[in-house]
């Protein structure tokens, strides 16, 4: 027949098995949540990269516009400088 130690050993093994299965399931659920969180974080980082890229392009365009305005003013200075020199002669 079954001894007391065998019954106790069987009960402990059964309880530990159930506990380990439960803990494993909880870890699986936590890792699934971490995966979802990392996917959302990745989406936010991609959005931030797009925004900063667009800002960089905008600043480049603004810089080009500023250089164009500066070129126009330098041309105006050349023409205005020539008129003053003609008046002096």
C-alpha atoms as a PDB file:
ATOM      1  CA  UNK A   1       0.000   0.000   0.000  1.00  0.00           C
ATOM      2  CA  UNK A   2       0.920   3.661   0.013  1.00  0.00           C
ATOM      3  CA  UNK A   3       3.122   4.969   2.722  1.00  0.00           C
ATOM      4  CA  UNK A   4       2.566   8.354   4.398  1.00  0.00           C
ATOM      5  CA  UNK A   5       5.740   9.753   2.918  1.00  0.00           C
ATOM      6  CA  UNK A   6       4.669   8.705  -0.578  1.00  0.00           C
ATOM      7  CA  UNK A   7       1.308  10.452  -0.166  1.00  0.00           C
ATOM      8  CA  UNK A   8       2.998  13.570   1.191  1.00  0.00           C
ATOM      9  CA  UNK A   9       5.580  13.528  -1.610  1.00  0.00           C
ATOM     10  CA  UNK A  10       2.854  13.123  -4.249  1.00  0.00           C
ATOM     11  CA  UNK A  11       0.882  16.036  -2.741  1.00  0.00           C
ATOM     12  CA  UNK A  12       3.945  18.309  -2.635  1.00  0.00           C
ATOM     13  CA  UNK A  13       4.915  17.478  -6.209  1.00  0.00           C
ATOM     14  CA  UNK A  14       1.349  18.087  -7.406  1.00  0.00           C
ATOM     15  CA  UNK A  15       1.078  21.430  -5.583  1.00  0.00           C
ATOM     16  CA  UNK A  16       4.484  22.578  -6.848  1.00  0.00           C
ATOM     17  CA  UNK A  17       3.573  21.573 -10.411  1.00  0.00           C
ATOM     18  CA  UNK A  18       0.340  23.573 -10.260  1.00  0.00           C
ATOM     19  CA  UNK A  19       2.179  26.589  -8.797  1.00  0.00           C
ATOM     20  CA  UNK A  20       4.913  26.465 -11.440  1.00  0.00           C
ATOM     21  CA  UNK A  21       2.343  26.219 -14.245  1.00  0.00           C
ATOM     22  CA  UNK A  22       0.499  29.234 -12.795  1.00  0.00           C
ATOM     23  CA  UNK A  23       3.743  31.239 -12.443  1.00  0.00           C
ATOM     24  CA  UNK A  24       4.758  30.294 -16.001  1.00  0.00           C
ATOM     25  CA  UNK A  25       1.402  31.488 -17.323  1.00  0.00           C
ATOM     26  CA  UNK A  26       1.783  34.793 -15.455  1.00  0.00           C
ATOM     27  CA  UNK A  27       5.290  35.296 -16.880  1.00  0.00           C
ATOM     28  CA  UNK A  28       3.905  34.588 -20.358  1.00  0.00           C
ATOM     29  CA  UNK A  29       1.217  37.260 -19.823  1.00  0.00           C
ATOM     30  CA  UNK A  30       3.777  39.786 -18.526  1.00  0.00           C
ATOM     31  CA  UNK A  31       6.068  39.209 -21.518  1.00  0.00           C
ATOM     32  CA  UNK A  32       3.094  39.737 -23.843  1.00  0.00           C
ATOM     33  CA  UNK A  33       2.376  43.089 -22.176  1.00  0.00           C
ATOM     34  CA  UNK A  34       6.051  44.068 -22.403  1.00  0.00           C
ATOM     35  CA  UNK A  35       5.976  43.241 -26.121  1.00  0.00           C
ATOM     36  CA  UNK A  36       2.914  45.443 -26.660  1.00  0.00           C
ATOM     37  CA  UNK A  37       4.544  48.266 -24.692  1.00  0.00           C
ATOM     38  CA  UNK A  38       7.742  48.031 -26.747  1.00  0.00           C
ATOM     39  CA  UNK A  39       5.749  48.103 -29.991  1.00  0.00           C
ATOM     40  CA  UNK A  40       3.965  51.289 -28.860  1.00  0.00           C
ATOM     41  CA  UNK A  41       7.285  52.804 -27.799  1.00  0.00           C
ATOM     42  CA  UNK A  42       8.778  51.924 -31.181  1.00  0.00           C
ATOM     43  CA  UNK A  43       5.855  53.629 -32.914  1.00  0.00           C
ATOM     44  CA  UNK A  44       6.373  56.762 -30.795  1.00  0.00           C
ATOM     45  CA  UNK A  45      10.101  56.793 -31.561  1.00  0.00           C
ATOM     46  CA  UNK A  46       9.397  56.437 -35.284  1.00  0.00           C
ATOM     47  CA  UNK A  47       6.993  59.378 -35.052  1.00  0.00           C
ATOM     48  CA  UNK A  48       9.608  61.451 -33.231  1.00  0.00           C
ATOM     49  CA  UNK A  49      12.191  60.604 -35.884  1.00  0.00           C
ATOM     50  CA  UNK A  50       9.770  61.710 -38.607  1.00  0.00           C
ATOM     51  CA  UNK A  51       9.024  64.971 -36.810  1.00  0.00           C
ATOM     52  CA  UNK A  52      12.694  65.799 -36.278  1.00  0.00           C
ATOM     53  CA  UNK A  53      13.445  64.888 -39.892  1.00  0.00           C
ATOM     54  CA  UNK A  54      10.691  67.205 -41.082  1.00  0.00           C
ATOM     55  CA  UNK A  55      11.983  69.977 -38.815  1.00  0.00           C
ATOM     56  CA  UNK A  56      15.475  69.524 -40.243  1.00  0.00           C
ATOM     57  CA  UNK A  57      14.129  69.772 -43.788  1.00  0.00           C
ATOM     58  CA  UNK A  58      12.161  72.886 -42.848  1.00  0.00           C
ATOM     59  CA  UNK A  59      15.260  74.521 -41.380  1.00  0.00           C
ATOM     60  CA  UNK A  60      17.208  73.667 -44.536  1.00  0.00           C
ATOM     61  CA  UNK A  61      14.518  75.292 -46.667  1.00  0.00           C
ATOM     62  CA  UNK A  62      14.436  78.312 -44.384  1.00  0.00           C
ATOM     63  CA  UNK A  63      18.218  78.566 -44.610  1.00  0.00           C
ATOM     64  CA  UNK A  64      18.005  78.439 -48.406  1.00  0.00           C
ATOM     65  CA  UNK A  65      15.368  81.155 -48.331  1.00  0.00           C
ATOM     66  CA  UNK A  66      17.569  83.270 -46.063  1.00  0.00           C
ATOM     67  CA  UNK A  67      20.516  82.865 -48.442  1.00  0.00           C
ATOM     68  CA  UNK A  68      18.301  83.934 -51.348  1.00  0.00           C
ATOM     69  CA  UNK A  69      17.147  87.049 -49.505  1.00  0.00           C
ATOM     70  CA  UNK A  70      20.748  87.839 -48.610  1.00  0.00           C
ATOM     71  CA  UNK A  71      21.751  87.490 -52.279  1.00  0.00           C
ATOM     72  CA  UNK A  72      18.954  89.853 -53.325  1.00  0.00           C
ATOM     73  CA  UNK A  73      20.068  92.448 -50.753  1.00  0.00           C
ATOM     74  CA  UNK A  74      23.680  92.129 -51.912  1.00  0.00           C
ATOM     75  CA  UNK A  75      22.545  92.794 -55.489  1.00  0.00           C
ATOM     76  CA  UNK A  76      20.618  95.858 -54.281  1.00  0.00           C
ATOM     77  CA  UNK A  77      23.748  97.057 -52.490  1.00  0.00           C
ATOM     78  CA  UNK A  78      25.784  96.671 -55.682  1.00  0.00           C
ATOM     79  CA  UNK A  79      23.293  98.714 -57.690  1.00  0.00           C
ATOM     80  CA  UNK A  80      22.905 101.357 -55.002  1.00  0.00           C
ATOM     81  CA  UNK A  81      26.697 101.585 -54.627  1.00  0.00           C
ATOM     82  CA  UNK A  82      27.152 102.173 -58.369  1.00  0.00           C
ATOM     83  CA  UNK A  83      24.585 104.977 -58.391  1.00  0.00           C
ATOM     84  CA  UNK A  84      26.339 106.763 -55.525  1.00  0.00           C
ATOM     85  CA  UNK A  85      29.675 106.503 -57.308  1.00  0.00           C
ATOM     86  CA  UNK A  86      28.151 107.964 -60.501  1.00  0.00           C
ATOM     87  CA  UNK A  87      26.735 110.880 -58.520  1.00  0.00           C
ATOM     88  CA  UNK A  88      30.163 111.606 -57.035  1.00  0.00           C
ATOM     89  CA  UNK A  89      31.789 111.919 -60.496  1.00  0.00           C
END
